[in-house]
N, C-alpha and C. Protein backbone atom coordinates (compact mmCIF):
# COMPACT_ATOMS: atom_id res chain seq x y z
N MET A 1 -90.90 -12.71 -93.31
CA MET A 1 -90.78 -11.77 -93.15
C MET A 1 -92.12 -11.14 -92.30
N ALA A 2 -91.96 -10.60 -91.16
CA ALA A 2 -93.14 -9.57 -90.42
C ALA A 2 -93.08 -8.47 -91.29
N ASN A 3 -94.32 -8.09 -91.67
CA ASN A 3 -94.52 -6.33 -92.26
C ASN A 3 -93.94 -5.68 -91.26
N ASN A 4 -94.34 -5.58 -90.32
CA ASN A 4 -94.53 -4.33 -89.49
C ASN A 4 -93.74 -4.43 -87.82
N THR A 5 -93.05 -5.75 -88.21
CA THR A 5 -92.32 -5.90 -87.09
C THR A 5 -90.97 -4.87 -86.72
N SER A 6 -90.44 -4.69 -86.23
CA SER A 6 -89.35 -3.68 -86.08
C SER A 6 -88.71 -3.60 -84.45
N LEU A 7 -87.14 -3.05 -83.91
CA LEU A 7 -86.61 -2.98 -83.37
C LEU A 7 -87.69 -2.39 -81.92
N TYR A 8 -88.10 -1.32 -82.63
CA TYR A 8 -88.60 -0.34 -81.63
C TYR A 8 -89.98 -1.34 -80.97
N SER A 9 -91.21 -1.90 -82.09
CA SER A 9 -91.83 -2.77 -82.03
C SER A 9 -91.90 -3.91 -80.84
N LEU A 10 -91.08 -4.67 -81.27
CA LEU A 10 -90.58 -5.70 -80.14
C LEU A 10 -90.14 -5.08 -78.65
N ALA A 11 -89.19 -3.78 -78.71
CA ALA A 11 -88.66 -3.31 -77.50
C ALA A 11 -90.55 -2.50 -76.68
N GLU A 12 -91.04 -2.42 -77.42
CA GLU A 12 -92.52 -1.82 -76.45
C GLU A 12 -92.96 -3.22 -76.06
N ARG A 13 -93.22 -4.31 -77.01
CA ARG A 13 -93.67 -5.52 -76.35
C ARG A 13 -92.92 -5.96 -75.02
N LEU A 14 -91.37 -5.76 -75.09
CA LEU A 14 -90.56 -6.18 -73.82
C LEU A 14 -90.91 -5.24 -72.73
N ARG A 15 -91.07 -4.05 -72.91
CA ARG A 15 -91.08 -3.41 -72.03
C ARG A 15 -92.79 -3.55 -71.15
N LYS A 16 -93.81 -3.90 -71.94
CA LYS A 16 -95.25 -4.00 -71.51
C LYS A 16 -94.88 -5.26 -70.83
N GLN A 17 -94.32 -6.50 -71.00
CA GLN A 17 -94.02 -7.58 -70.42
C GLN A 17 -93.33 -7.53 -68.88
N LEU A 18 -92.38 -6.46 -69.04
CA LEU A 18 -91.80 -5.95 -67.94
C LEU A 18 -92.17 -5.14 -66.86
N GLN A 19 -93.39 -4.98 -67.59
CA GLN A 19 -93.72 -3.62 -66.26
C GLN A 19 -94.41 -4.08 -64.99
N SER A 20 -95.16 -5.56 -65.17
CA SER A 20 -95.50 -5.87 -63.76
C SER A 20 -94.10 -6.52 -62.80
N ARG A 21 -92.95 -6.71 -63.45
CA ARG A 21 -92.38 -7.53 -62.80
C ARG A 21 -91.02 -6.70 -62.03
N LEU A 22 -90.88 -5.30 -62.60
CA LEU A 22 -89.86 -4.09 -61.99
C LEU A 22 -90.20 -3.10 -61.15
N SER A 23 -89.62 -2.83 -60.08
CA SER A 23 -90.03 -1.77 -59.45
C SER A 23 -90.19 -0.21 -60.44
N THR A 24 -90.16 0.44 -59.56
CA THR A 24 -90.37 1.82 -60.53
C THR A 24 -89.26 2.57 -60.65
N GLU A 25 -88.18 2.03 -59.52
CA GLU A 25 -86.51 2.41 -59.96
C GLU A 25 -86.06 1.72 -61.06
N ALA A 26 -86.39 0.64 -61.36
CA ALA A 26 -85.88 -0.54 -62.42
C ALA A 26 -86.38 -0.71 -63.78
N LYS A 27 -87.19 0.41 -63.59
CA LYS A 27 -87.94 0.04 -65.17
C LYS A 27 -87.04 0.46 -66.26
N VAL A 28 -87.12 -0.30 -67.41
CA VAL A 28 -86.36 -0.21 -68.21
C VAL A 28 -86.30 0.77 -69.40
N SER A 29 -85.66 1.53 -69.84
CA SER A 29 -85.81 2.70 -71.16
C SER A 29 -86.02 2.20 -72.24
N MET A 30 -86.99 2.66 -73.39
CA MET A 30 -86.88 2.44 -74.52
C MET A 30 -85.76 1.90 -75.31
N GLN A 31 -84.29 2.81 -75.13
CA GLN A 31 -83.20 2.21 -75.53
C GLN A 31 -82.86 1.30 -75.23
N GLU A 32 -82.82 0.90 -73.88
CA GLU A 32 -82.39 -0.21 -73.29
C GLU A 32 -83.35 -1.57 -73.88
N ALA A 33 -84.10 -1.21 -73.69
CA ALA A 33 -84.86 -2.31 -74.62
C ALA A 33 -84.51 -2.63 -75.59
N ILE A 34 -84.43 -1.63 -76.92
CA ILE A 34 -84.16 -1.78 -77.96
C ILE A 34 -82.83 -2.82 -78.37
N LEU A 35 -81.90 -2.08 -77.30
CA LEU A 35 -80.59 -2.80 -77.27
C LEU A 35 -80.43 -4.09 -77.30
N ALA A 36 -81.32 -4.12 -75.92
CA ALA A 36 -81.65 -5.90 -76.11
C ALA A 36 -82.20 -6.76 -76.87
N ILE A 37 -83.12 -6.14 -77.53
CA ILE A 37 -83.93 -6.75 -78.63
C ILE A 37 -82.89 -7.03 -79.61
N GLY A 38 -82.15 -6.06 -80.04
CA GLY A 38 -80.71 -6.29 -81.09
C GLY A 38 -79.98 -6.91 -80.94
N SER A 39 -79.59 -7.21 -80.00
CA SER A 39 -78.91 -8.10 -79.30
C SER A 39 -79.44 -9.92 -79.37
N ALA A 40 -80.55 -9.75 -78.61
CA ALA A 40 -81.07 -11.45 -78.85
C ALA A 40 -81.07 -11.57 -80.27
N ARG A 41 -81.68 -10.82 -81.17
CA ARG A 41 -81.91 -10.73 -82.84
C ARG A 41 -80.54 -11.32 -83.45
N ASP A 42 -79.61 -10.93 -83.00
CA ASP A 42 -78.42 -11.37 -83.79
C ASP A 42 -78.17 -12.25 -82.76
N LYS A 43 -78.00 -12.57 -82.13
CA LYS A 43 -77.57 -14.23 -81.32
C LYS A 43 -78.40 -15.03 -81.79
N ILE A 44 -79.47 -15.04 -81.92
CA ILE A 44 -80.59 -16.01 -82.16
C ILE A 44 -80.28 -16.41 -83.58
N ILE A 45 -80.23 -15.66 -84.83
CA ILE A 45 -79.81 -15.89 -85.80
C ILE A 45 -78.15 -16.21 -86.37
N GLN A 46 -77.50 -16.09 -85.13
CA GLN A 46 -76.17 -16.38 -85.21
C GLN A 46 -76.33 -18.05 -84.82
N ASN A 47 -77.11 -18.51 -84.06
CA ASN A 47 -76.82 -19.90 -83.30
C ASN A 47 -77.86 -20.58 -84.39
N LYS A 48 -78.63 -19.93 -85.20
CA LYS A 48 -79.47 -20.65 -86.39
C LYS A 48 -78.62 -20.90 -87.35
N LEU A 49 -77.35 -20.02 -88.05
CA LEU A 49 -77.01 -20.34 -88.96
C LEU A 49 -75.58 -21.41 -88.34
N TYR A 50 -75.20 -21.10 -87.31
CA TYR A 50 -73.77 -22.12 -86.88
C TYR A 50 -74.54 -23.45 -86.70
N ALA A 51 -75.73 -23.93 -86.48
CA ALA A 51 -76.49 -24.97 -86.54
C ALA A 51 -76.44 -25.59 -87.70
N GLN A 52 -76.43 -24.72 -89.16
CA GLN A 52 -76.19 -25.24 -90.26
C GLN A 52 -75.00 -25.11 -90.95
N TYR A 53 -74.01 -25.12 -89.82
CA TYR A 53 -72.66 -25.22 -90.48
C TYR A 53 -72.36 -26.38 -91.20
N HIS A 54 -71.66 -26.59 -92.59
CA HIS A 54 -71.45 -27.85 -93.38
C HIS A 54 -70.04 -28.14 -92.44
N THR A 55 -69.91 -29.60 -92.92
CA THR A 55 -68.44 -30.18 -91.91
C THR A 55 -67.21 -29.56 -92.47
N ASP A 56 -67.45 -29.05 -93.75
CA ASP A 56 -66.41 -28.21 -94.28
C ASP A 56 -66.25 -27.11 -94.28
N GLY A 57 -66.92 -26.47 -93.39
CA GLY A 57 -67.16 -25.12 -92.74
C GLY A 57 -68.00 -24.28 -93.76
N HIS A 58 -68.27 -24.54 -94.47
CA HIS A 58 -69.26 -23.42 -95.49
C HIS A 58 -70.62 -23.16 -94.41
N MET A 59 -71.01 -22.16 -94.56
CA MET A 59 -72.12 -21.77 -93.77
C MET A 59 -73.19 -21.74 -94.81
N VAL A 60 -74.51 -21.97 -94.41
CA VAL A 60 -75.39 -22.25 -95.59
C VAL A 60 -76.31 -20.71 -95.09
N ILE A 61 -76.61 -20.01 -96.03
CA ILE A 61 -76.80 -18.70 -95.81
C ILE A 61 -77.96 -18.27 -96.84
N GLN A 62 -77.51 -18.39 -98.11
CA GLN A 62 -78.33 -18.21 -99.40
C GLN A 62 -79.79 -18.51 -99.04
N ASN A 63 -79.82 -19.53 -98.76
CA ASN A 63 -81.71 -19.99 -98.45
C ASN A 63 -82.23 -19.32 -97.26
N LEU A 64 -81.44 -18.25 -96.46
CA LEU A 64 -81.79 -17.80 -95.35
C LEU A 64 -82.37 -16.06 -95.80
N MET A 65 -81.79 -15.86 -96.59
CA MET A 65 -81.50 -14.52 -96.97
C MET A 65 -83.02 -13.74 -97.05
N SER A 66 -84.20 -14.62 -97.60
CA SER A 66 -85.35 -13.77 -97.42
C SER A 66 -85.65 -13.47 -96.48
N GLU A 67 -85.32 -14.43 -95.36
CA GLU A 67 -85.55 -13.89 -93.83
C GLU A 67 -84.77 -13.18 -92.72
N TYR A 68 -83.45 -13.11 -93.29
CA TYR A 68 -82.49 -12.16 -92.69
C TYR A 68 -82.08 -10.96 -93.00
N GLY A 69 -81.61 -11.02 -94.48
CA GLY A 69 -81.03 -10.15 -94.84
C GLY A 69 -81.60 -9.10 -96.07
N TYR A 70 -80.93 -8.25 -96.43
CA TYR A 70 -81.25 -7.27 -97.83
C TYR A 70 -80.27 -7.08 -98.36
N ASP A 71 -80.72 -6.57 -99.52
CA ASP A 71 -79.87 -6.01 -100.54
C ASP A 71 -79.69 -4.63 -100.73
N GLU A 72 -78.42 -4.13 -100.82
CA GLU A 72 -78.45 -2.63 -101.65
C GLU A 72 -77.82 -2.45 -102.95
N LYS A 73 -78.16 -1.51 -103.85
CA LYS A 73 -77.58 -1.21 -104.79
C LYS A 73 -76.99 0.21 -104.44
N LEU A 74 -75.37 -0.08 -104.69
CA LEU A 74 -74.57 1.02 -104.36
C LEU A 74 -73.55 1.18 -105.35
N ASN A 75 -72.47 2.54 -105.62
CA ASN A 75 -72.00 3.22 -106.38
C ASN A 75 -70.30 3.34 -105.46
N PRO A 76 -69.18 2.76 -105.89
CA PRO A 76 -68.65 2.69 -105.62
C PRO A 76 -67.87 4.16 -105.47
N VAL A 77 -66.82 4.56 -104.84
CA VAL A 77 -65.80 5.64 -105.18
C VAL A 77 -64.40 5.57 -105.11
N TRP A 78 -63.77 6.50 -105.68
CA TRP A 78 -62.43 6.16 -105.72
C TRP A 78 -61.42 6.56 -104.25
N ASP A 79 -60.75 5.89 -103.47
CA ASP A 79 -60.03 6.20 -102.41
C ASP A 79 -58.83 6.42 -103.03
N ALA A 80 -58.17 7.64 -102.91
CA ALA A 80 -57.03 8.00 -103.65
C ALA A 80 -56.01 7.66 -102.26
N ASP A 81 -55.87 7.43 -101.16
CA ASP A 81 -55.11 6.97 -100.47
C ASP A 81 -54.66 5.95 -100.38
N ARG A 82 -55.63 4.77 -100.55
CA ARG A 82 -55.43 3.34 -101.05
C ARG A 82 -55.43 2.71 -102.49
N GLU A 83 -56.03 3.76 -103.52
CA GLU A 83 -55.59 3.66 -104.66
C GLU A 83 -56.37 2.31 -105.07
N LEU A 84 -57.75 2.70 -104.07
CA LEU A 84 -58.75 1.31 -104.53
C LEU A 84 -59.97 2.17 -104.53
N TYR A 85 -61.07 1.39 -105.32
CA TYR A 85 -62.06 1.82 -105.10
C TYR A 85 -63.17 1.20 -104.08
N SER A 86 -63.83 1.99 -103.09
CA SER A 86 -64.74 1.81 -102.05
C SER A 86 -65.95 2.02 -102.03
N LEU A 87 -66.38 1.15 -101.01
CA LEU A 87 -67.96 1.32 -100.79
C LEU A 87 -68.26 1.55 -99.47
N ARG A 88 -68.83 2.58 -98.86
CA ARG A 88 -69.64 2.29 -97.58
C ARG A 88 -70.59 1.62 -97.15
N LEU A 89 -70.34 0.71 -96.48
CA LEU A 89 -71.71 -0.50 -95.89
C LEU A 89 -72.89 0.45 -95.19
N PRO A 90 -74.09 0.38 -95.78
CA PRO A 90 -75.36 0.62 -95.11
C PRO A 90 -75.50 0.23 -93.86
N ALA A 91 -74.47 -1.03 -93.31
CA ALA A 91 -74.51 -1.25 -92.00
C ALA A 91 -73.55 -2.26 -91.93
N LEU A 92 -73.10 -2.37 -90.76
CA LEU A 92 -72.01 -3.40 -90.33
C LEU A 92 -72.47 -5.11 -90.73
N PRO A 93 -71.72 -6.34 -90.89
CA PRO A 93 -72.73 -7.21 -91.13
C PRO A 93 -72.88 -7.81 -89.90
N ILE A 94 -73.53 -8.81 -89.48
CA ILE A 94 -73.81 -9.99 -88.72
C ILE A 94 -72.27 -10.29 -88.50
N GLU A 95 -71.70 -10.99 -87.10
CA GLU A 95 -70.40 -11.46 -86.87
C GLU A 95 -70.96 -12.98 -86.64
N LEU A 96 -70.36 -13.69 -87.98
CA LEU A 96 -70.23 -14.71 -88.68
C LEU A 96 -68.56 -15.51 -89.39
N PRO A 97 -68.60 -16.75 -88.88
CA PRO A 97 -66.77 -17.09 -89.14
C PRO A 97 -66.75 -16.75 -90.63
N LYS A 98 -65.75 -16.58 -90.81
CA LYS A 98 -64.95 -15.91 -92.05
C LYS A 98 -65.99 -14.66 -92.76
N ASN A 99 -66.47 -14.39 -91.91
CA ASN A 99 -67.34 -12.71 -92.16
C ASN A 99 -68.42 -13.15 -93.30
N SER A 100 -69.09 -14.26 -92.66
CA SER A 100 -70.08 -14.57 -93.75
C SER A 100 -71.51 -13.87 -93.86
N GLY A 101 -71.08 -13.04 -93.02
CA GLY A 101 -72.46 -11.86 -92.95
C GLY A 101 -72.21 -11.34 -94.45
N ILE A 102 -71.34 -10.80 -95.11
CA ILE A 102 -71.48 -10.60 -96.06
C ILE A 102 -71.72 -11.85 -97.22
N VAL A 103 -72.86 -11.87 -97.80
CA VAL A 103 -73.14 -12.98 -98.46
C VAL A 103 -72.78 -12.70 -100.24
N ASP A 104 -72.92 -11.91 -100.57
CA ASP A 104 -72.38 -11.17 -102.22
C ASP A 104 -72.32 -10.47 -102.31
N VAL A 105 -71.54 -10.21 -103.03
CA VAL A 105 -70.87 -8.77 -104.01
C VAL A 105 -71.02 -9.11 -105.54
N ARG A 106 -71.52 -8.28 -106.05
CA ARG A 106 -71.58 -8.33 -107.79
C ARG A 106 -72.18 -7.20 -108.41
N VAL A 107 -71.71 -6.96 -109.65
CA VAL A 107 -72.10 -5.89 -110.45
C VAL A 107 -73.43 -6.20 -110.83
N LYS A 108 -73.87 -5.05 -111.03
CA LYS A 108 -75.67 -4.92 -111.05
C LYS A 108 -75.48 -5.63 -112.82
N GLY A 109 -76.36 -6.67 -113.33
CA GLY A 109 -76.79 -7.18 -114.23
C GLY A 109 -75.80 -8.62 -114.55
N GLN A 110 -74.76 -8.50 -113.83
CA GLN A 110 -73.97 -10.16 -113.98
C GLN A 110 -74.48 -10.87 -112.65
N LYS A 111 -75.12 -11.89 -113.71
CA LYS A 111 -75.69 -12.95 -112.42
C LYS A 111 -74.97 -13.96 -112.34
N ASP A 112 -74.16 -14.16 -113.33
CA ASP A 112 -73.48 -15.40 -112.81
C ASP A 112 -71.64 -15.28 -112.44
N TYR A 113 -71.35 -14.01 -111.89
CA TYR A 113 -70.06 -13.41 -111.68
C TYR A 113 -70.53 -12.60 -110.36
N SER A 114 -69.83 -12.96 -109.02
CA SER A 114 -69.57 -12.36 -108.36
C SER A 114 -68.26 -12.30 -107.62
N PHE A 115 -67.93 -11.13 -106.52
CA PHE A 115 -66.46 -11.13 -106.24
C PHE A 115 -66.43 -11.81 -105.05
N ILE A 116 -64.96 -12.33 -105.06
CA ILE A 116 -64.55 -13.43 -103.86
C ILE A 116 -64.07 -12.37 -103.06
N GLN A 117 -64.34 -12.98 -101.28
CA GLN A 117 -63.71 -11.89 -100.39
C GLN A 117 -62.48 -12.37 -100.21
N SER A 118 -61.54 -11.45 -99.51
CA SER A 118 -60.10 -11.54 -99.05
C SER A 118 -59.88 -10.97 -97.67
N GLU A 119 -58.84 -11.25 -97.30
CA GLU A 119 -58.20 -10.41 -96.22
C GLU A 119 -57.75 -9.44 -96.50
N PRO A 120 -58.11 -8.33 -95.61
CA PRO A 120 -57.66 -6.78 -95.76
C PRO A 120 -56.19 -6.96 -95.93
N PHE A 121 -55.63 -6.24 -97.15
CA PHE A 121 -54.54 -6.07 -97.61
C PHE A 121 -53.31 -6.91 -97.35
N ASN A 122 -54.00 -8.03 -98.40
CA ASN A 122 -53.33 -9.35 -98.19
C ASN A 122 -52.02 -9.24 -99.41
N GLY A 123 -51.99 -8.10 -99.88
CA GLY A 123 -50.92 -8.07 -101.37
C GLY A 123 -51.39 -8.43 -102.29
N THR A 124 -52.53 -8.55 -102.79
CA THR A 124 -52.87 -8.77 -103.74
C THR A 124 -54.52 -8.48 -103.79
N MET A 125 -55.08 -8.36 -105.19
CA MET A 125 -56.50 -7.99 -105.43
C MET A 125 -57.10 -9.27 -106.30
N TYR A 126 -56.56 -10.14 -106.76
CA TYR A 126 -56.91 -10.81 -107.52
C TYR A 126 -56.33 -12.70 -107.11
N ARG A 127 -57.57 -13.30 -107.64
CA ARG A 127 -56.90 -14.84 -106.81
C ARG A 127 -57.88 -15.46 -107.85
N GLY A 128 -56.91 -16.35 -108.86
CA GLY A 128 -57.41 -17.60 -109.49
C GLY A 128 -58.29 -18.72 -108.73
N LEU A 129 -59.41 -19.44 -109.84
CA LEU A 129 -60.18 -20.26 -109.03
C LEU A 129 -59.98 -21.84 -110.08
N ALA A 130 -60.03 -22.64 -109.21
CA ALA A 130 -59.58 -23.99 -110.13
C ALA A 130 -60.69 -24.15 -111.01
N ALA A 131 -61.58 -23.80 -110.60
CA ALA A 131 -62.96 -24.04 -111.96
C ALA A 131 -62.99 -23.32 -112.58
N ALA A 132 -62.68 -21.85 -112.53
CA ALA A 132 -62.90 -20.81 -113.06
C ALA A 132 -61.91 -20.53 -114.76
N THR A 133 -62.04 -20.29 -115.56
CA THR A 133 -61.16 -19.98 -116.72
C THR A 133 -60.64 -18.43 -116.78
N ILE A 134 -61.13 -17.67 -116.16
CA ILE A 134 -61.13 -16.41 -115.99
C ILE A 134 -60.34 -16.08 -114.26
N PRO A 135 -59.57 -15.39 -113.87
CA PRO A 135 -59.44 -15.27 -112.35
C PRO A 135 -60.70 -14.16 -112.16
N ARG A 136 -61.08 -14.28 -110.76
CA ARG A 136 -62.31 -13.18 -110.41
C ARG A 136 -61.66 -12.20 -109.20
N ALA A 137 -62.67 -11.15 -109.99
CA ALA A 137 -61.71 -9.76 -108.99
C ALA A 137 -62.37 -10.35 -107.11
N GLU A 138 -61.54 -9.53 -106.73
CA GLU A 138 -61.98 -9.78 -105.24
C GLU A 138 -62.38 -8.51 -104.47
N PHE A 139 -62.56 -8.59 -103.20
CA PHE A 139 -63.35 -7.43 -102.34
C PHE A 139 -62.40 -7.76 -101.16
N PHE A 140 -62.71 -6.73 -99.92
CA PHE A 140 -62.29 -7.17 -98.93
C PHE A 140 -63.20 -6.24 -97.85
N GLN A 141 -63.39 -6.22 -96.70
CA GLN A 141 -63.68 -4.83 -95.83
C GLN A 141 -62.62 -4.93 -94.98
N LYS A 142 -63.22 -3.52 -94.33
CA LYS A 142 -62.15 -2.75 -93.42
C LYS A 142 -63.04 -2.25 -92.82
N GLY A 143 -63.48 -2.46 -91.07
CA GLY A 143 -64.65 -1.45 -91.01
C GLY A 143 -65.97 -1.32 -91.34
N ALA A 144 -66.25 -0.41 -92.07
CA ALA A 144 -67.38 0.09 -92.32
C ALA A 144 -67.23 0.28 -93.43
N ASN A 145 -66.03 -0.02 -94.62
CA ASN A 145 -66.08 0.02 -95.93
C ASN A 145 -65.55 -1.42 -96.66
N ILE A 146 -66.16 -1.37 -97.85
CA ILE A 146 -65.70 -2.44 -98.69
C ILE A 146 -64.32 -2.38 -100.15
N TYR A 147 -63.59 -2.66 -100.13
CA TYR A 147 -62.55 -1.65 -101.21
C TYR A 147 -62.65 -3.22 -102.43
N PHE A 148 -62.08 -2.39 -103.65
CA PHE A 148 -62.22 -3.09 -104.80
C PHE A 148 -60.95 -2.21 -105.72
N SER A 149 -60.31 -3.42 -106.31
CA SER A 149 -59.07 -2.84 -107.24
C SER A 149 -59.39 -2.21 -107.77
N GLU A 150 -58.60 -1.34 -108.42
CA GLU A 150 -58.80 -0.34 -109.36
C GLU A 150 -59.51 -1.04 -110.90
N ASP A 151 -59.11 -2.02 -111.26
CA ASP A 151 -59.22 -2.55 -112.44
C ASP A 151 -60.73 -3.21 -112.64
N SER A 152 -61.04 -3.78 -111.18
CA SER A 152 -62.40 -4.52 -111.18
C SER A 152 -63.70 -3.66 -111.24
N VAL A 153 -63.74 -2.44 -110.82
CA VAL A 153 -64.72 -1.93 -110.91
C VAL A 153 -64.62 -0.17 -111.26
N GLY A 154 -65.32 0.57 -111.86
CA GLY A 154 -66.12 1.64 -112.35
C GLY A 154 -66.42 2.59 -111.17
N GLY A 155 -66.15 3.88 -110.96
CA GLY A 155 -67.09 4.89 -110.16
C GLY A 155 -68.20 5.14 -110.29
N LYS A 156 -68.79 4.36 -111.30
CA LYS A 156 -70.61 4.61 -111.70
C LYS A 156 -70.97 3.21 -111.42
N THR A 157 -70.04 2.34 -111.70
CA THR A 157 -70.70 0.88 -111.69
C THR A 157 -71.46 0.63 -110.44
N ASN A 158 -73.14 0.01 -110.71
CA ASN A 158 -73.33 -0.20 -109.32
C ASN A 158 -73.25 -1.79 -108.69
N ILE A 159 -73.20 -1.57 -107.80
CA ILE A 159 -72.70 -2.93 -107.02
C ILE A 159 -73.70 -3.03 -106.22
N ILE A 160 -74.29 -4.45 -106.49
CA ILE A 160 -75.40 -5.00 -105.66
C ILE A 160 -74.40 -5.98 -104.56
N LEU A 161 -75.00 -5.68 -103.45
CA LEU A 161 -74.71 -5.68 -101.62
C LEU A 161 -75.73 -6.69 -101.31
N THR A 162 -75.21 -7.56 -101.22
CA THR A 162 -76.44 -8.49 -100.30
C THR A 162 -75.62 -9.18 -98.68
N MET A 163 -76.52 -8.72 -97.56
CA MET A 163 -75.81 -8.96 -96.43
C MET A 163 -76.89 -9.26 -95.44
N ILE A 164 -76.13 -9.94 -94.10
CA ILE A 164 -77.30 -10.00 -92.82
C ILE A 164 -76.56 -8.84 -92.21
N ALA A 165 -77.18 -7.87 -92.21
CA ALA A 165 -76.96 -6.82 -91.25
C ALA A 165 -76.77 -6.70 -89.25
N SER A 166 -76.11 -6.63 -88.94
CA SER A 166 -76.36 -6.51 -87.36
C SER A 166 -77.20 -5.66 -86.96
N SER A 167 -78.09 -5.82 -85.96
CA SER A 167 -79.02 -5.09 -85.89
C SER A 167 -78.60 -3.44 -85.18
N SER A 168 -77.63 -3.21 -84.91
CA SER A 168 -76.96 -2.11 -84.50
C SER A 168 -76.97 -1.17 -86.00
N GLY A 169 -76.99 -1.39 -87.27
CA GLY A 169 -76.96 -0.96 -88.34
C GLY A 169 -78.73 -0.99 -89.14
N ILE A 170 -79.50 -1.63 -88.18
CA ILE A 170 -80.98 -1.40 -88.55
C ILE A 170 -81.65 -0.30 -88.18
N ASN A 171 -82.31 0.72 -88.60
CA ASN A 171 -83.01 1.62 -87.83
C ASN A 171 -84.08 1.27 -86.78
N ASP A 172 -84.42 1.87 -85.64
CA ASP A 172 -85.42 1.35 -84.71
C ASP A 172 -86.73 0.76 -85.81
N ARG A 173 -87.30 1.77 -86.28
CA ARG A 173 -88.71 1.67 -86.74
C ARG A 173 -88.54 0.93 -88.07
N ASP A 174 -87.23 0.80 -88.61
CA ASP A 174 -87.59 -0.14 -89.96
C ASP A 174 -87.80 -1.49 -89.90
N THR A 175 -88.38 -2.04 -90.90
CA THR A 175 -89.12 -3.87 -90.81
C THR A 175 -87.62 -4.60 -90.72
N LEU A 176 -87.70 -5.33 -89.62
CA LEU A 176 -86.69 -6.20 -88.99
C LEU A 176 -86.32 -7.28 -89.50
N PRO A 177 -85.28 -7.73 -89.99
CA PRO A 177 -85.39 -8.99 -91.17
C PRO A 177 -85.18 -10.23 -90.34
N ILE A 178 -86.43 -10.84 -90.10
CA ILE A 178 -86.34 -12.07 -88.92
C ILE A 178 -87.37 -12.86 -89.82
N ASP A 179 -87.24 -14.03 -89.30
CA ASP A 179 -88.69 -15.18 -88.94
C ASP A 179 -89.17 -14.63 -88.09
N PRO A 180 -90.69 -14.46 -88.53
CA PRO A 180 -91.78 -14.12 -87.42
C PRO A 180 -91.97 -14.89 -86.41
N ASP A 181 -91.54 -16.41 -86.69
CA ASP A 181 -91.44 -17.39 -85.59
C ASP A 181 -90.68 -17.04 -84.57
N MET A 182 -89.63 -16.10 -84.61
CA MET A 182 -88.36 -15.91 -83.81
C MET A 182 -88.77 -14.67 -82.94
N GLU A 183 -90.29 -14.11 -83.04
CA GLU A 183 -90.27 -13.12 -81.86
C GLU A 183 -90.35 -13.58 -80.70
N MET A 184 -91.08 -14.50 -80.49
CA MET A 184 -91.11 -14.73 -78.91
C MET A 184 -89.75 -15.05 -78.22
N ASP A 185 -89.40 -15.85 -79.00
CA ASP A 185 -87.48 -16.01 -78.53
C ASP A 185 -87.18 -15.05 -78.72
N ILE A 186 -86.87 -14.01 -79.47
CA ILE A 186 -86.17 -12.52 -79.08
C ILE A 186 -86.67 -11.90 -77.82
N ILE A 187 -87.42 -11.64 -77.60
CA ILE A 187 -88.27 -11.03 -76.37
C ILE A 187 -88.11 -11.94 -75.10
N GLU A 188 -87.93 -13.43 -75.14
CA GLU A 188 -87.79 -13.86 -74.31
C GLU A 188 -86.07 -13.97 -73.52
N MET A 189 -85.36 -14.02 -74.80
CA MET A 189 -83.59 -13.96 -74.41
C MET A 189 -83.21 -11.91 -74.07
N ALA A 190 -84.03 -11.30 -74.73
CA ALA A 190 -84.03 -10.10 -74.15
C ALA A 190 -84.69 -9.52 -72.94
N LYS A 191 -85.48 -10.33 -72.40
CA LYS A 191 -86.28 -9.92 -71.10
C LYS A 191 -85.06 -10.62 -70.14
N GLN A 192 -84.21 -11.97 -70.21
CA GLN A 192 -83.34 -12.56 -69.76
C GLN A 192 -81.95 -11.37 -69.57
N THR A 193 -81.89 -10.69 -70.64
CA THR A 193 -80.53 -9.67 -70.54
C THR A 193 -81.19 -8.81 -69.57
N VAL A 194 -82.09 -8.16 -69.59
CA VAL A 194 -82.59 -6.75 -68.61
C VAL A 194 -82.74 -7.36 -67.24
N LEU A 195 -83.36 -8.52 -66.80
CA LEU A 195 -83.66 -9.08 -65.76
C LEU A 195 -82.43 -9.52 -65.15
N THR A 196 -81.41 -8.45 -64.44
CA THR A 196 -80.25 -8.84 -64.04
C THR A 196 -80.42 -9.07 -62.51
N PRO A 197 -79.53 -9.21 -61.78
CA PRO A 197 -79.48 -9.16 -60.83
C PRO A 197 -79.45 -8.00 -59.85
N ASP A 198 -79.00 -6.94 -60.49
CA ASP A 198 -78.83 -5.66 -59.79
C ASP A 198 -80.12 -4.87 -60.06
N LYS A 199 -81.02 -5.73 -61.30
CA LYS A 199 -82.42 -4.78 -61.32
C LYS A 199 -82.90 -5.23 -60.08
N PRO A 200 -83.73 -4.19 -59.43
CA PRO A 200 -84.39 -4.40 -57.95
C PRO A 200 -86.18 -4.99 -58.65
N VAL A 201 -86.02 -6.07 -57.95
CA VAL A 201 -87.45 -6.71 -58.52
C VAL A 201 -88.69 -6.22 -57.58
N ASP A 202 -90.07 -6.26 -57.94
CA ASP A 202 -91.20 -6.35 -57.19
C ASP A 202 -91.38 -7.26 -56.32
N VAL A 203 -91.30 -7.19 -54.88
CA VAL A 203 -91.58 -8.38 -54.45
C VAL A 203 -92.66 -8.05 -53.23
N LEU A 204 -93.70 -6.85 -53.82
CA LEU A 204 -94.79 -6.51 -53.05
C LEU A 204 -95.51 -7.93 -52.63
N ASN A 205 -96.21 -8.37 -51.61
CA ASN A 205 -97.01 -9.54 -51.39
C ASN A 205 -98.25 -9.37 -52.22
N ASP A 206 -98.29 -9.05 -53.62
CA ASP A 206 -99.47 -9.09 -54.32
C ASP A 206 -99.43 -10.63 -55.23
N GLY A 207 -98.54 -11.20 -55.44
CA GLY A 207 -98.70 -12.30 -56.18
C GLY A 207 -97.85 -12.26 -57.71
N VAL A 208 -97.48 -10.58 -58.15
CA VAL A 208 -97.15 -10.20 -59.58
C VAL A 208 -95.56 -10.49 -59.27
N GLY A 209 -95.19 -10.70 -60.29
CA GLY A 209 -93.74 -11.19 -60.59
C GLY A 209 -93.10 -12.28 -59.84
N GLN A 210 -94.42 -13.08 -59.43
CA GLN A 210 -93.62 -14.05 -58.07
C GLN A 210 -93.63 -15.59 -59.17
């Protein structure tokens, strides 16, 4: 992972590359550049993960977490309305099949045990596994929260959440979880996003932008 790469730093590089391409009226704002960079980063990661789909529909993510993901240690709180424990996600996960952007949820200190992800409000919070002697507790995501049954966690339990966050949930100047080799691809894809037909192009007869 590139130590100093952020949405902001890549957006700066994008704007510099575009300075000679666009007329004064069409200059790209920093916010527009950041949004384009974030969208490109998510799309490239999605494409890379789709390419590693197994024939059984399992997505290979664990070996990429050092590049694209991060861990958060969080404490669940009691949701009296739903009578479930909940955690506020630090960011929404990147959109992947079967919500694979949430890679792992486990109680701190339990290395061999993790929660199973289920559909929201499917009528049950537990499901047995054929290979397991004890049914494992489930969690489900709804919006910006994940939920657990009352019996599975306590209000002071540390939950380790491993996920691939959408760029929209990463601070502009924080280190961006990417492979350093992706930087140029992200900038090029973002450039195509902002160089839309309704952006006036500098067509002065000076050879710039041609």
